[in-house]
PDB file of N, CA and C in Angstrom:
ATOM      1  N   MET A   1      28.464  25.021  31.920  1.00  0.00           N
ATOM      2  CA  MET A   1      27.799  24.428  30.766  1.00  0.00           C
ATOM      3  C   MET A   1      28.312  23.009  30.575  1.00  0.00           C
ATOM      4  N   ASN A   2      27.426  22.111  30.266  1.00  0.00           N
ATOM      5  CA  ASN A   2      27.768  20.709  30.051  1.00  0.00           C
ATOM      6  C   ASN A   2      28.488  20.562  28.707  1.00  0.00           C
ATOM      7  N   ASP A   3      29.677  19.980  28.713  1.00  0.00           N
ATOM      8  CA  ASP A   3      30.448  19.813  27.481  1.00  0.00           C
ATOM      9  C   ASP A   3      29.797  18.820  26.515  1.00  0.00           C
ATOM     10  N   ASP A   4      28.854  18.017  27.008  1.00  0.00           N
ATOM     11  CA  ASP A   4      28.193  17.037  26.151  1.00  0.00           C
ATOM     12  C   ASP A   4      27.071  17.647  25.320  1.00  0.00           C
ATOM     13  N   LEU A   5      26.777  18.923  25.539  1.00  0.00           N
ATOM     14  CA  LEU A   5      25.687  19.562  24.804  1.00  0.00           C
ATOM     15  C   LEU A   5      26.239  20.465  23.714  1.00  0.00           C
ATOM     16  N   GLN A   6      25.471  20.571  22.636  1.00  0.00           N
ATOM     17  CA  GLN A   6      25.835  21.455  21.537  1.00  0.00           C
ATOM     18  C   GLN A   6      24.777  22.543  21.428  1.00  0.00           C
ATOM     19  N   ALA A   7      24.807  23.279  20.337  1.00  0.00           N
ATOM     20  CA  ALA A   7      23.853  24.362  20.108  1.00  0.00           C
ATOM     21  C   ALA A   7      22.431  23.914  20.394  1.00  0.00           C
ATOM     22  N   GLY A   8      21.683  24.778  21.023  1.00  0.00           N
ATOM     23  CA  GLY A   8      20.298  24.483  21.319  1.00  0.00           C
ATOM     24  C   GLY A   8      20.125  23.559  22.504  1.00  0.00           C
ATOM     25  N   GLY A   9      21.212  23.214  23.196  1.00  0.00           N
ATOM     26  CA  GLY A   9      21.120  22.359  24.361  1.00  0.00           C
ATOM     27  C   GLY A   9      20.780  20.919  24.048  1.00  0.00           C
ATOM     28  N   MET A  10      21.022  20.478  22.831  1.00  0.00           N
ATOM     29  CA  MET A  10      20.690  19.109  22.451  1.00  0.00           C
ATOM     30  C   MET A  10      21.911  18.213  22.555  1.00  0.00           C
ATOM     31  N   PRO A  11      21.732  16.997  23.061  1.00  0.00           N
ATOM     32  CA  PRO A  11      22.847  16.051  23.096  1.00  0.00           C
ATOM     33  C   PRO A  11      23.372  15.808  21.685  1.00  0.00           C
ATOM     34  N   PRO A  12      24.683  15.584  21.522  1.00  0.00           N
ATOM     35  CA  PRO A  12      25.259  15.426  20.186  1.00  0.00           C
ATOM     36  C   PRO A  12      24.617  14.317  19.370  1.00  0.00           C
ATOM     37  N   GLU A  13      24.195  13.231  20.013  1.00  0.00           N
ATOM     38  CA  GLU A  13      23.613  12.138  19.223  1.00  0.00           C
ATOM     39  C   GLU A  13      22.277  12.529  18.603  1.00  0.00           C
ATOM     40  N   ILE A  14      21.620  13.558  19.133  1.00  0.00           N
ATOM     41  CA  ILE A  14      20.373  14.038  18.536  1.00  0.00           C
ATOM     42  C   ILE A  14      20.669  15.155  17.540  1.00  0.00           C
ATOM     43  N   TYR A  15      21.618  16.010  17.874  1.00  0.00           N
ATOM     44  CA  TYR A  15      21.907  17.185  17.057  1.00  0.00           C
ATOM     45  C   TYR A  15      22.709  16.850  15.806  1.00  0.00           C
ATOM     46  N   SER A  16      23.573  15.868  15.885  1.00  0.00           N
ATOM     47  CA  SER A  16      24.446  15.534  14.764  1.00  0.00           C
ATOM     48  C   SER A  16      23.640  15.035  13.572  1.00  0.00           C
ATOM     49  N   PRO A  17      24.042  15.441  12.360  1.00  0.00           N
ATOM     50  CA  PRO A  17      23.338  14.961  11.174  1.00  0.00           C
ATOM     51  C   PRO A  17      23.444  13.443  11.049  1.00  0.00           C
ATOM     52  N   MET A  18      22.367  12.839  10.663  1.00  0.00           N
ATOM     53  CA  MET A  18      22.341  11.388  10.445  1.00  0.00           C
ATOM     54  C   MET A  18      21.923  11.113   9.013  1.00  0.00           C
ATOM     55  N   ARG A  19      22.420  10.028   8.482  1.00  0.00           N
ATOM     56  CA  ARG A  19      21.924   9.534   7.207  1.00  0.00           C
ATOM     57  C   ARG A  19      20.981   8.403   7.554  1.00  0.00           C
ATOM     58  N   THR A  20      19.738   8.577   7.224  1.00  0.00           N
ATOM     59  CA  THR A  20      18.759   7.590   7.648  1.00  0.00           C
ATOM     60  C   THR A  20      17.549   7.595   6.722  1.00  0.00           C
ATOM     61  N   THR A  21      16.833   6.496   6.740  1.00  0.00           N
ATOM     62  CA  THR A  21      15.578   6.376   6.022  1.00  0.00           C
ATOM     63  C   THR A  21      14.546   5.824   6.983  1.00  0.00           C
ATOM     64  N   ALA A  22      13.368   6.402   6.944  1.00  0.00           N
ATOM     65  CA  ALA A  22      12.262   5.927   7.774  1.00  0.00           C
ATOM     66  C   ALA A  22      11.053   5.729   6.879  1.00  0.00           C
ATOM     67  N   ALA A  23      10.211   4.784   7.269  1.00  0.00           N
ATOM     68  CA  ALA A  23       9.021   4.498   6.468  1.00  0.00           C
ATOM     69  C   ALA A  23       7.814   4.382   7.389  1.00  0.00           C
ATOM     70  N   ALA A  24       6.662   4.723   6.842  1.00  0.00           N
ATOM     71  CA  ALA A  24       5.399   4.598   7.570  1.00  0.00           C
ATOM     72  C   ALA A  24       4.329   4.269   6.549  1.00  0.00           C
ATOM     73  N   GLU A  25       3.256   3.697   7.025  1.00  0.00           N
ATOM     74  CA  GLU A  25       2.119   3.434   6.145  1.00  0.00           C
ATOM     75  C   GLU A  25       0.844   3.661   6.925  1.00  0.00           C
ATOM     76  N   GLY A  26      -0.216   3.916   6.183  1.00  0.00           N
ATOM     77  CA  GLY A  26      -1.485   4.172   6.850  1.00  0.00           C
ATOM     78  C   GLY A  26      -2.597   4.364   5.849  1.00  0.00           C
ATOM     79  N   GLU A  27      -3.739   4.754   6.389  1.00  0.00           N
ATOM     80  CA  GLU A  27      -4.903   5.060   5.564  1.00  0.00           C
ATOM     81  C   GLU A  27      -5.464   6.377   6.064  1.00  0.00           C
ATOM     82  N   ILE A  28      -5.817   7.247   5.144  1.00  0.00           N
ATOM     83  CA  ILE A  28      -6.312   8.573   5.512  1.00  0.00           C
ATOM     84  C   ILE A  28      -7.328   9.009   4.473  1.00  0.00           C
ATOM     85  N   GLY A  29      -8.219   9.877   4.872  1.00  0.00           N
ATOM     86  CA  GLY A  29      -9.194  10.402   3.932  1.00  0.00           C
ATOM     87  C   GLY A  29     -10.028  11.488   4.565  1.00  0.00           C
ATOM     88  N   GLY A  30     -10.929  12.023   3.755  1.00  0.00           N
ATOM     89  CA  GLY A  30     -11.812  13.071   4.246  1.00  0.00           C
ATOM     90  C   GLY A  30     -11.037  14.314   4.619  1.00  0.00           C
ATOM     91  N   GLU A  31     -11.386  14.870   5.751  1.00  0.00           N
ATOM     92  CA  GLU A  31     -10.745  16.104   6.227  1.00  0.00           C
ATOM     93  C   GLU A  31      -9.544  15.824   7.117  1.00  0.00           C
ATOM     94  N   GLY A  32      -9.182  14.560   7.324  1.00  0.00           N
ATOM     95  CA  GLY A  32      -8.116  14.211   8.243  1.00  0.00           C
ATOM     96  C   GLY A  32      -6.735  14.302   7.643  1.00  0.00           C
ATOM     97  N   HIS A  33      -5.737  14.181   8.510  1.00  0.00           N
ATOM     98  CA  HIS A  33      -4.340  14.092   8.080  1.00  0.00           C
ATOM     99  C   HIS A  33      -3.566  13.295   9.126  1.00  0.00           C
ATOM    100  N   ASN A  34      -2.530  12.631   8.670  1.00  0.00           N
ATOM    101  CA  ASN A  34      -1.590  11.943   9.554  1.00  0.00           C
ATOM    102  C   ASN A  34      -0.292  12.729   9.508  1.00  0.00           C
ATOM    103  N   SER A  35       0.299  12.983  10.671  1.00  0.00           N
ATOM    104  CA  SER A  35       1.515  13.789  10.737  1.00  0.00           C
ATOM    105  C   SER A  35       2.678  12.974  11.280  1.00  0.00           C
ATOM    106  N   TYR A  36       3.856  13.236  10.712  1.00  0.00           N
ATOM    107  CA  TYR A  36       5.090  12.571  11.106  1.00  0.00           C
ATOM    108  C   TYR A  36       6.149  13.645  11.308  1.00  0.00           C
ATOM    109  N   GLY A  37       6.998  13.481  12.331  1.00  0.00           N
ATOM    110  CA  GLY A  37       8.050  14.446  12.596  1.00  0.00           C
ATOM    111  C   GLY A  37       9.422  13.873  12.291  1.00  0.00           C
ATOM    112  N   VAL A  38      10.288  14.722  11.765  1.00  0.00           N
ATOM    113  CA  VAL A  38      11.667  14.326  11.499  1.00  0.00           C
ATOM    114  C   VAL A  38      12.575  15.503  11.868  1.00  0.00           C
ATOM    115  N   PHE A  39      13.613  15.224  12.653  1.00  0.00           N
ATOM    116  CA  PHE A  39      14.578  16.260  13.019  1.00  0.00           C
ATOM    117  C   PHE A  39      15.671  16.270  11.961  1.00  0.00           C
ATOM    118  N   ALA A  40      15.895  17.431  11.356  1.00  0.00           N
ATOM    119  CA  ALA A  40      16.886  17.548  10.282  1.00  0.00           C
ATOM    120  C   ALA A  40      17.827  18.717  10.566  1.00  0.00           C
ATOM    121  N   VAL A  41      19.043  18.588  10.073  1.00  0.00           N
ATOM    122  CA  VAL A  41      20.086  19.590  10.275  1.00  0.00           C
ATOM    123  C   VAL A  41      20.276  20.379   8.981  1.00  0.00           C
ATOM    124  N   GLU A  42      20.461  21.688   9.134  1.00  0.00           N
ATOM    125  CA  GLU A  42      20.675  22.570   7.991  1.00  0.00           C
ATOM    126  C   GLU A  42      21.711  21.974   7.036  1.00  0.00           C
ATOM    127  N   GLY A  43      21.372  21.962   5.756  1.00  0.00           N
ATOM    128  CA  GLY A  43      22.281  21.458   4.729  1.00  0.00           C
ATOM    129  C   GLY A  43      22.039  20.011   4.342  1.00  0.00           C
ATOM    130  N   GLN A  44      21.300  19.256   5.169  1.00  0.00           N
ATOM    131  CA  GLN A  44      20.996  17.874   4.794  1.00  0.00           C
ATOM    132  C   GLN A  44      20.030  17.868   3.608  1.00  0.00           C
ATOM    133  N   ARG A  45      20.095  16.792   2.849  1.00  0.00           N
ATOM    134  CA  ARG A  45      19.176  16.608   1.726  1.00  0.00           C
ATOM    135  C   ARG A  45      18.014  15.755   2.227  1.00  0.00           C
ATOM    136  N   LEU A  46      16.796  16.281   2.083  1.00  0.00           N
ATOM    137  CA  LEU A  46      15.585  15.615   2.534  1.00  0.00           C
ATOM    138  C   LEU A  46      14.790  15.157   1.318  1.00  0.00           C
ATOM    139  N   THR A  47      14.443  13.872   1.300  1.00  0.00           N
ATOM    140  CA  THR A  47      13.593  13.326   0.233  1.00  0.00           C
ATOM    141  C   THR A  47      12.385  12.666   0.878  1.00  0.00           C
ATOM    142  N   VAL A  48      11.209  13.054   0.414  1.00  0.00           N
ATOM    143  CA  VAL A  48       9.951  12.477   0.900  1.00  0.00           C
ATOM    144  C   VAL A  48       9.232  11.889  -0.303  1.00  0.00           C
ATOM    145  N   ARG A  49       8.849  10.618  -0.176  1.00  0.00           N
ATOM    146  CA  ARG A  49       8.149   9.925  -1.272  1.00  0.00           C
ATOM    147  C   ARG A  49       6.893   9.282  -0.699  1.00  0.00           C
ATOM    148  N   ILE A  50       5.789   9.449  -1.415  1.00  0.00           N
ATOM    149  CA  ILE A  50       4.543   8.802  -1.032  1.00  0.00           C
ATOM    150  C   ILE A  50       4.013   8.006  -2.221  1.00  0.00           C
ATOM    151  N   GLU A  51       3.533   6.828  -1.928  1.00  0.00           N
ATOM    152  CA  GLU A  51       2.865   5.984  -2.923  1.00  0.00           C
ATOM    153  C   GLU A  51       1.520   5.605  -2.335  1.00  0.00           C
ATOM    154  N   TRP A  52       0.526   5.441  -3.181  1.00  0.00           N
ATOM    155  CA  TRP A  52      -0.784   5.053  -2.683  1.00  0.00           C
ATOM    156  C   TRP A  52      -1.427   4.033  -3.612  1.00  0.00           C
ATOM    157  N   ASP A  53      -2.329   3.250  -3.002  1.00  0.00           N
ATOM    158  CA  ASP A  53      -3.040   2.205  -3.743  1.00  0.00           C
ATOM    159  C   ASP A  53      -4.274   2.779  -4.412  1.00  0.00           C
ATOM    160  N   LYS A  54      -4.588   2.232  -5.561  1.00  0.00           N
ATOM    161  CA  LYS A  54      -5.820   2.605  -6.244  1.00  0.00           C
ATOM    162  C   LYS A  54      -6.988   2.059  -5.430  1.00  0.00           C
ATOM    163  N   SER A  55      -7.969   2.905  -5.221  1.00  0.00           N
ATOM    164  CA  SER A  55      -9.144   2.516  -4.462  1.00  0.00           C
ATOM    165  C   SER A  55     -10.142   1.806  -5.371  1.00  0.00           C
ATOM    166  N   GLU A  56     -10.713   0.727  -4.874  1.00  0.00           N
ATOM    167  CA  GLU A  56     -11.758   0.037  -5.637  1.00  0.00           C
ATOM    168  C   GLU A  56     -13.036   0.856  -5.662  1.00  0.00           C
ATOM    169  N   GLU A  57     -13.234   1.648  -4.621  1.00  0.00           N
ATOM    170  CA  GLU A  57     -14.454   2.440  -4.492  1.00  0.00           C
ATOM    171  C   GLU A  57     -14.373   3.778  -5.216  1.00  0.00           C
ATOM    172  N   PHE A  58     -13.173   4.407  -5.213  1.00  0.00           N
ATOM    173  CA  PHE A  58     -12.989   5.731  -5.813  1.00  0.00           C
ATOM    174  C   PHE A  58     -11.893   5.648  -6.871  1.00  0.00           C
ATOM    175  N   GLU A  59     -12.255   5.856  -8.133  1.00  0.00           N
ATOM    176  CA  GLU A  59     -11.292   5.717  -9.231  1.00  0.00           C
ATOM    177  C   GLU A  59     -10.173   6.743  -9.200  1.00  0.00           C
ATOM    178  N   ASP A  60     -10.493   7.970  -8.813  1.00  0.00           N
ATOM    179  CA  ASP A  60      -9.504   9.052  -8.881  1.00  0.00           C
ATOM    180  C   ASP A  60      -8.947   9.427  -7.517  1.00  0.00           C
ATOM    181  N   ASN A  61      -8.779   8.439  -6.642  1.00  0.00           N
ATOM    182  CA  ASN A  61      -8.228   8.779  -5.331  1.00  0.00           C
ATOM    183  C   ASN A  61      -6.765   9.188  -5.460  1.00  0.00           C
ATOM    184  N   GLY A  62      -6.295   9.917  -4.476  1.00  0.00           N
ATOM    185  CA  GLY A  62      -4.906  10.346  -4.482  1.00  0.00           C
ATOM    186  C   GLY A  62      -4.459  10.718  -3.088  1.00  0.00           C
ATOM    187  N   ALA A  63      -3.153  10.772  -2.894  1.00  0.00           N
ATOM    188  CA  ALA A  63      -2.575  11.162  -1.614  1.00  0.00           C
ATOM    189  C   ALA A  63      -1.490  12.203  -1.857  1.00  0.00           C
ATOM    190  N   GLY A  64      -1.226  12.975  -0.853  1.00  0.00           N
ATOM    191  CA  GLY A  64      -0.191  13.991  -0.955  1.00  0.00           C
ATOM    192  C   GLY A  64       0.345  14.302   0.427  1.00  0.00           C
ATOM    193  N   PHE A  65       1.269  15.241   0.494  1.00  0.00           N
ATOM    194  CA  PHE A  65       1.850  15.624   1.776  1.00  0.00           C
ATOM    195  C   PHE A  65       2.309  17.065   1.716  1.00  0.00           C
ATOM    196  N   SER A  66       2.434  17.654   2.883  1.00  0.00           N
ATOM    197  CA  SER A  66       3.057  18.969   3.014  1.00  0.00           C
ATOM    198  C   SER A  66       4.175  18.837   4.042  1.00  0.00           C
ATOM    199  N   ILE A  67       5.153  19.717   3.929  1.00  0.00           N
ATOM    200  CA  ILE A  67       6.291  19.722   4.851  1.00  0.00           C
ATOM    201  C   ILE A  67       6.369  21.109   5.465  1.00  0.00           C
ATOM    202  N   ASP A  68       6.399  21.183   6.800  1.00  0.00           N
ATOM    203  CA  ASP A  68       6.562  22.494   7.419  1.00  0.00           C
ATOM    204  C   ASP A  68       7.484  22.412   8.627  1.00  0.00           C
ATOM    205  N   GLU A  69       8.021  23.577   8.964  1.00  0.00           N
ATOM    206  CA  GLU A  69       8.916  23.702  10.120  1.00  0.00           C
ATOM    207  C   GLU A  69       8.619  25.038  10.758  1.00  0.00           C
ATOM    208  N   GLY A  70       8.282  25.021  12.030  1.00  0.00           N
ATOM    209  CA  GLY A  70       8.020  26.263  12.751  1.00  0.00           C
ATOM    210  C   GLY A  70       6.892  27.083  12.161  1.00  0.00           C
ATOM    211  N   GLY A  71       5.891  26.421  11.591  1.00  0.00           N
ATOM    212  CA  GLY A  71       4.753  27.134  11.023  1.00  0.00           C
ATOM    213  C   GLY A  71       4.938  27.562   9.575  1.00  0.00           C
ATOM    214  N   GLU A  72       6.124  27.354   9.018  1.00  0.00           N
ATOM    215  CA  GLU A  72       6.381  27.712   7.618  1.00  0.00           C
ATOM    216  C   GLU A  72       6.283  26.461   6.761  1.00  0.00           C
ATOM    217  N   THR A  73       5.413  26.513   5.753  1.00  0.00           N
ATOM    218  CA  THR A  73       5.241  25.376   4.852  1.00  0.00           C
ATOM    219  C   THR A  73       6.188  25.529   3.675  1.00  0.00           C
ATOM    220  N   PHE A  74       6.870  24.436   3.329  1.00  0.00           N
ATOM    221  CA  PHE A  74       7.780  24.437   2.198  1.00  0.00           C
ATOM    222  C   PHE A  74       7.069  23.809   1.011  1.00  0.00           C
ATOM    223  N   ALA A  75       6.835  24.601   0.002  1.00  0.00           N
ATOM    224  CA  ALA A  75       6.135  24.147  -1.196  1.00  0.00           C
ATOM    225  C   ALA A  75       7.086  24.179  -2.379  1.00  0.00           C
ATOM    226  N   GLU A  76       6.652  23.562  -3.473  1.00  0.00           N
ATOM    227  CA  GLU A  76       7.489  23.519  -4.672  1.00  0.00           C
ATOM    228  C   GLU A  76       7.853  24.919  -5.148  1.00  0.00           C
ATOM    229  N   ASP A  77       6.927  25.876  -5.010  1.00  0.00           N
ATOM    230  CA  ASP A  77       7.197  27.220  -5.503  1.00  0.00           C
ATOM    231  C   ASP A  77       8.064  28.045  -4.545  1.00  0.00           C
ATOM    232  N   SER A  78       8.470  27.463  -3.407  1.00  0.00           N
ATOM    233  CA  SER A  78       9.314  28.183  -2.456  1.00  0.00           C
ATOM    234  C   SER A  78      10.777  28.176  -2.878  1.00  0.00           C
ATOM    235  N   GLY A  79      11.132  27.340  -3.834  1.00  0.00           N
ATOM    236  CA  GLY A  79      12.517  27.214  -4.251  1.00  0.00           C
ATOM    237  C   GLY A  79      13.309  26.258  -3.380  1.00  0.00           C
ATOM    238  N   VAL A  80      12.704  25.740  -2.314  1.00  0.00           N
ATOM    239  CA  VAL A  80      13.386  24.813  -1.421  1.00  0.00           C
ATOM    240  C   VAL A  80      13.243  23.380  -1.928  1.00  0.00           C
ATOM    241  N   LEU A  81      12.098  23.052  -2.496  1.00  0.00           N
ATOM    242  CA  LEU A  81      11.814  21.682  -2.929  1.00  0.00           C
ATOM    243  C   LEU A  81      11.657  21.587  -4.431  1.00  0.00           C
ATOM    244  N   THR A  82      12.031  20.439  -4.969  1.00  0.00           N
ATOM    245  CA  THR A  82      11.666  20.083  -6.333  1.00  0.00           C
ATOM    246  C   THR A  82      10.847  18.804  -6.225  1.00  0.00           C
ATOM    247  N   SER A  83       9.841  18.681  -7.055  1.00  0.00           N
ATOM    248  CA  SER A  83       8.936  17.541  -6.954  1.00  0.00           C
ATOM    249  C   SER A  83       8.747  16.868  -8.294  1.00  0.00           C
ATOM    250  N   SER A  84       8.406  15.591  -8.213  1.00  0.00           N
ATOM    251  CA  SER A  84       8.032  14.839  -9.401  1.00  0.00           C
ATOM    252  C   SER A  84       6.845  13.961  -9.039  1.00  0.00           C
ATOM    253  N   GLU A  85       6.018  13.693 -10.016  1.00  0.00           N
ATOM    254  CA  GLU A  85       4.843  12.860  -9.802  1.00  0.00           C
ATOM    255  C   GLU A  85       4.770  11.802 -10.874  1.00  0.00           C
ATOM    256  N   GLY A  86       4.238  10.673 -10.512  1.00  0.00           N
ATOM    257  CA  GLY A  86       3.995   9.592 -11.441  1.00  0.00           C
ATOM    258  C   GLY A  86       2.662   8.982 -11.085  1.00  0.00           C
ATOM    259  N   GLU A  87       2.361   7.871 -11.708  1.00  0.00           N
ATOM    260  CA  GLU A  87       1.098   7.209 -11.402  1.00  0.00           C
ATOM    261  C   GLU A  87       1.147   6.664  -9.981  1.00  0.00           C
ATOM    262  N   ARG A  88       0.304   7.198  -9.144  1.00  0.00           N
ATOM    263  CA  ARG A  88       0.145   6.774  -7.748  1.00  0.00           C
ATOM    264  C   ARG A  88       1.392   6.990  -6.887  1.00  0.00           C
ATOM    265  N   GLN A  89       2.201   8.012  -7.220  1.00  0.00           N
ATOM    266  CA  GLN A  89       3.349   8.352  -6.373  1.00  0.00           C
ATOM    267  C   GLN A  89       3.737   9.809  -6.565  1.00  0.00           C
ATOM    268  N   ARG A  90       4.374  10.367  -5.545  1.00  0.00           N
ATOM    269  CA  ARG A  90       4.887  11.740  -5.594  1.00  0.00           C
ATOM    270  C   ARG A  90       6.156  11.786  -4.756  1.00  0.00           C
ATOM    271  N   THR A  91       7.171  12.478  -5.248  1.00  0.00           N
ATOM    272  CA  THR A  91       8.442  12.612  -4.539  1.00  0.00           C
ATOM    273  C   THR A  91       8.844  14.082  -4.505  1.00  0.00           C
ATOM    274  N   SER A  92       9.287  14.562  -3.355  1.00  0.00           N
ATOM    275  CA  SER A  92       9.833  15.913  -3.213  1.00  0.00           C
ATOM    276  C   SER A  92      11.209  15.811  -2.574  1.00  0.00           C
ATOM    277  N   THR A  93      12.149  16.604  -3.077  1.00  0.00           N
ATOM    278  CA  THR A  93      13.524  16.603  -2.589  1.00  0.00           C
ATOM    279  C   THR A  93      13.994  18.040  -2.425  1.00  0.00           C
ATOM    280  N   GLY A  94      14.767  18.291  -1.370  1.00  0.00           N
ATOM    281  CA  GLY A  94      15.324  19.620  -1.182  1.00  0.00           C
ATOM    282  C   GLY A  94      16.380  19.622  -0.096  1.00  0.00           C
ATOM    283  N   THR A  95      17.075  20.744   0.016  1.00  0.00           N
ATOM    284  CA  THR A  95      18.083  20.929   1.041  1.00  0.00           C
ATOM    285  C   THR A  95      17.434  21.610   2.236  1.00  0.00           C
ATOM    286  N   VAL A  96      17.651  21.056   3.411  1.00  0.00           N
ATOM    287  CA  VAL A  96      17.053  21.582   4.633  1.00  0.00           C
ATOM    288  C   VAL A  96      17.611  22.992   4.880  1.00  0.00           C
ATOM    289  N   PRO A  97      16.741  24.017   4.956  1.00  0.00           N
ATOM    290  CA  PRO A  97      17.217  25.393   5.086  1.00  0.00           C
ATOM    291  C   PRO A  97      17.703  25.761   6.483  1.00  0.00           C
ATOM    292  N   ARG A  98      17.216  25.056   7.522  1.00  0.00           N
ATOM    293  CA  ARG A  98      17.646  25.344   8.886  1.00  0.00           C
ATOM    294  C   ARG A  98      17.392  24.126   9.765  1.00  0.00           C
ATOM    295  N   THR A  99      18.171  24.004  10.814  1.00  0.00           N
ATOM    296  CA  THR A  99      18.036  22.894  11.746  1.00  0.00           C
ATOM    297  C   THR A  99      16.724  23.014  12.514  1.00  0.00           C
ATOM    298  N   GLY A 100      16.005  21.899  12.597  1.00  0.00           N
ATOM    299  CA  GLY A 100      14.760  21.932  13.346  1.00  0.00           C
ATOM    300  C   GLY A 100      13.934  20.681  13.145  1.00  0.00           C
ATOM    301  N   LEU A 101      12.766  20.687  13.765  1.00  0.00           N
ATOM    302  CA  LEU A 101      11.809  19.591  13.643  1.00  0.00           C
ATOM    303  C   LEU A 101      10.870  19.901  12.496  1.00  0.00           C
ATOM    304  N   TYR A 102      10.849  19.029  11.504  1.00  0.00           N
ATOM    305  CA  TYR A 102       9.996  19.191  10.331  1.00  0.00           C
ATOM    306  C   TYR A 102       8.804  18.247  10.452  1.00  0.00           C
ATOM    307  N   THR A 103       7.636  18.749  10.124  1.00  0.00           N
ATOM    308  CA  THR A 103       6.416  17.957  10.187  1.00  0.00           C
ATOM    309  C   THR A 103       5.956  17.648   8.773  1.00  0.00           C
ATOM    310  N   ILE A 104       5.719  16.374   8.517  1.00  0.00           N
ATOM    311  CA  ILE A 104       5.201  15.919   7.225  1.00  0.00           C
ATOM    312  C   ILE A 104       3.759  15.489   7.471  1.00  0.00           C
ATOM    313  N   SER A 105       2.819  16.190   6.846  1.00  0.00           N
ATOM    314  CA  SER A 105       1.401  15.903   7.015  1.00  0.00           C
ATOM    315  C   SER A 105       0.861  15.254   5.750  1.00  0.00           C
ATOM    316  N   VAL A 106       0.300  14.061   5.896  1.00  0.00           N
ATOM    317  CA  VAL A 106      -0.243  13.299   4.767  1.00  0.00           C
ATOM    318  C   VAL A 106      -1.751  13.519   4.700  1.00  0.00           C
ATOM    319  N   THR A 107      -2.237  13.794   3.496  1.00  0.00           N
ATOM    320  CA  THR A 107      -3.668  13.933   3.246  1.00  0.00           C
ATOM    321  C   THR A 107      -4.039  13.078   2.040  1.00  0.00           C
ATOM    322  N   ALA A 108      -5.332  12.862   1.852  1.00  0.00           N
ATOM    323  CA  ALA A 108      -5.792  12.083   0.701  1.00  0.00           C
ATOM    324  C   ALA A 108      -7.170  12.563   0.283  1.00  0.00           C
ATOM    325  N   HIS A 109      -7.495  12.290  -0.980  1.00  0.00           N
ATOM    326  CA  HIS A 109      -8.830  12.604  -1.476  1.00  0.00           C
ATOM    327  C   HIS A 109      -9.303  11.483  -2.372  1.00  0.00           C
ATOM    328  N   PRO A 110     -10.451  10.954  -2.203  1.00  0.00           N
ATOM    329  CA  PRO A 110     -11.223  11.064  -0.969  1.00  0.00           C
ATOM    330  C   PRO A 110     -10.669  10.182   0.141  1.00  0.00           C
ATOM    331  N   ILE A 111      -9.988   9.091  -0.218  1.00  0.00           N
ATOM    332  CA  ILE A 111      -9.385   8.190   0.778  1.00  0.00           C
ATOM    333  C   ILE A 111      -8.250   7.428   0.107  1.00  0.00           C
ATOM    334  N   ALA A 112      -7.207   7.107   0.868  1.00  0.00           N
ATOM    335  CA  ALA A 112      -6.092   6.354   0.277  1.00  0.00           C
ATOM    336  C   ALA A 112      -5.339   5.568   1.342  1.00  0.00           C
ATOM    337  N   THR A 113      -4.870   4.403   0.944  1.00  0.00           N
ATOM    338  CA  THR A 113      -3.908   3.630   1.713  1.00  0.00           C
ATOM    339  C   THR A 113      -2.544   3.983   1.131  1.00  0.00           C
ATOM    340  N   TYR A 114      -1.623   4.439   1.983  1.00  0.00           N
ATOM    341  CA  TYR A 114      -0.365   4.984   1.487  1.00  0.00           C
ATOM    342  C   TYR A 114       0.843   4.363   2.179  1.00  0.00           C
ATOM    343  N   ARG A 115       1.994   4.571   1.528  1.00  0.00           N
ATOM    344  CA  ARG A 115       3.297   4.243   2.077  1.00  0.00           C
ATOM    345  C   ARG A 115       4.161   5.490   1.941  1.00  0.00           C
ATOM    346  N   LEU A 116       4.729   5.931   3.047  1.00  0.00           N
ATOM    347  CA  LEU A 116       5.544   7.135   3.089  1.00  0.00           C
ATOM    348  C   LEU A 116       6.979   6.753   3.395  1.00  0.00           C
ATOM    349  N   ARG A 117       7.923   7.322   2.663  1.00  0.00           N
ATOM    350  CA  ARG A 117       9.348   7.039   2.884  1.00  0.00           C
ATOM    351  C   ARG A 117      10.077   8.375   2.964  1.00  0.00           C
ATOM    352  N   VAL A 118      10.837   8.569   4.041  1.00  0.00           N
ATOM    353  CA  VAL A 118      11.568   9.805   4.278  1.00  0.00           C
ATOM    354  C   VAL A 118      13.048   9.469   4.386  1.00  0.00           C
ATOM    355  N   THR A 119      13.880  10.159   3.608  1.00  0.00           N
ATOM    356  CA  THR A 119      15.322   9.917   3.611  1.00  0.00           C
ATOM    357  C   THR A 119      16.056  11.218   3.905  1.00  0.00           C
ATOM    358  N   LEU A 120      17.045  11.147   4.803  1.00  0.00           N
ATOM    359  CA  LEU A 120      17.939  12.275   5.102  1.00  0.00           C
ATOM    360  C   LEU A 120      19.358  11.849   4.747  1.00  0.00           C
ATOM    361  N   GLU A 121      20.046  12.686   3.995  1.00  0.00           N
ATOM    362  CA  GLU A 121      21.431  12.397   3.626  1.00  0.00           C
ATOM    363  C   GLU A 121      22.291  13.595   3.929  1.00  0.00           C
TER     364      GLU A 121
END
C-alpha cells in the first residue's frame, strides 16, 4: 500500500480538510439547473449562499439550490442544514455528515442571474 494515500485511496492533499471559499455566477431558468461539486470532509462546516438579480421582465423571479451527496438530498427539515432568506438571497449552513462529493444544483423561476458562494471551514 502506498504510504501517500489515506482512506478511500485519495492523496492527502485531496482528502485533508481545507478551509476555502469558492464562487460562481450564471444565469438559469425554466426546467434547467446548473450543478457544482465540492468535496467535503465529515465535520466541516458548509455554508452555501445564493444571491440573484431582480429581473426586469419577471417581477417575482427567484433562485434556489439543493445540496445532495450520493443521491441523498439535504434539506432544511433533515436537521443537517439551517437556512435563512432575505430579499434576493438565501443562505444554508450545516455540518457535513460524511466525507464525500457534494453536488449543489441551482434552479430559478422563471429565470435569474445569480451569484453562488460556497464556504468550507
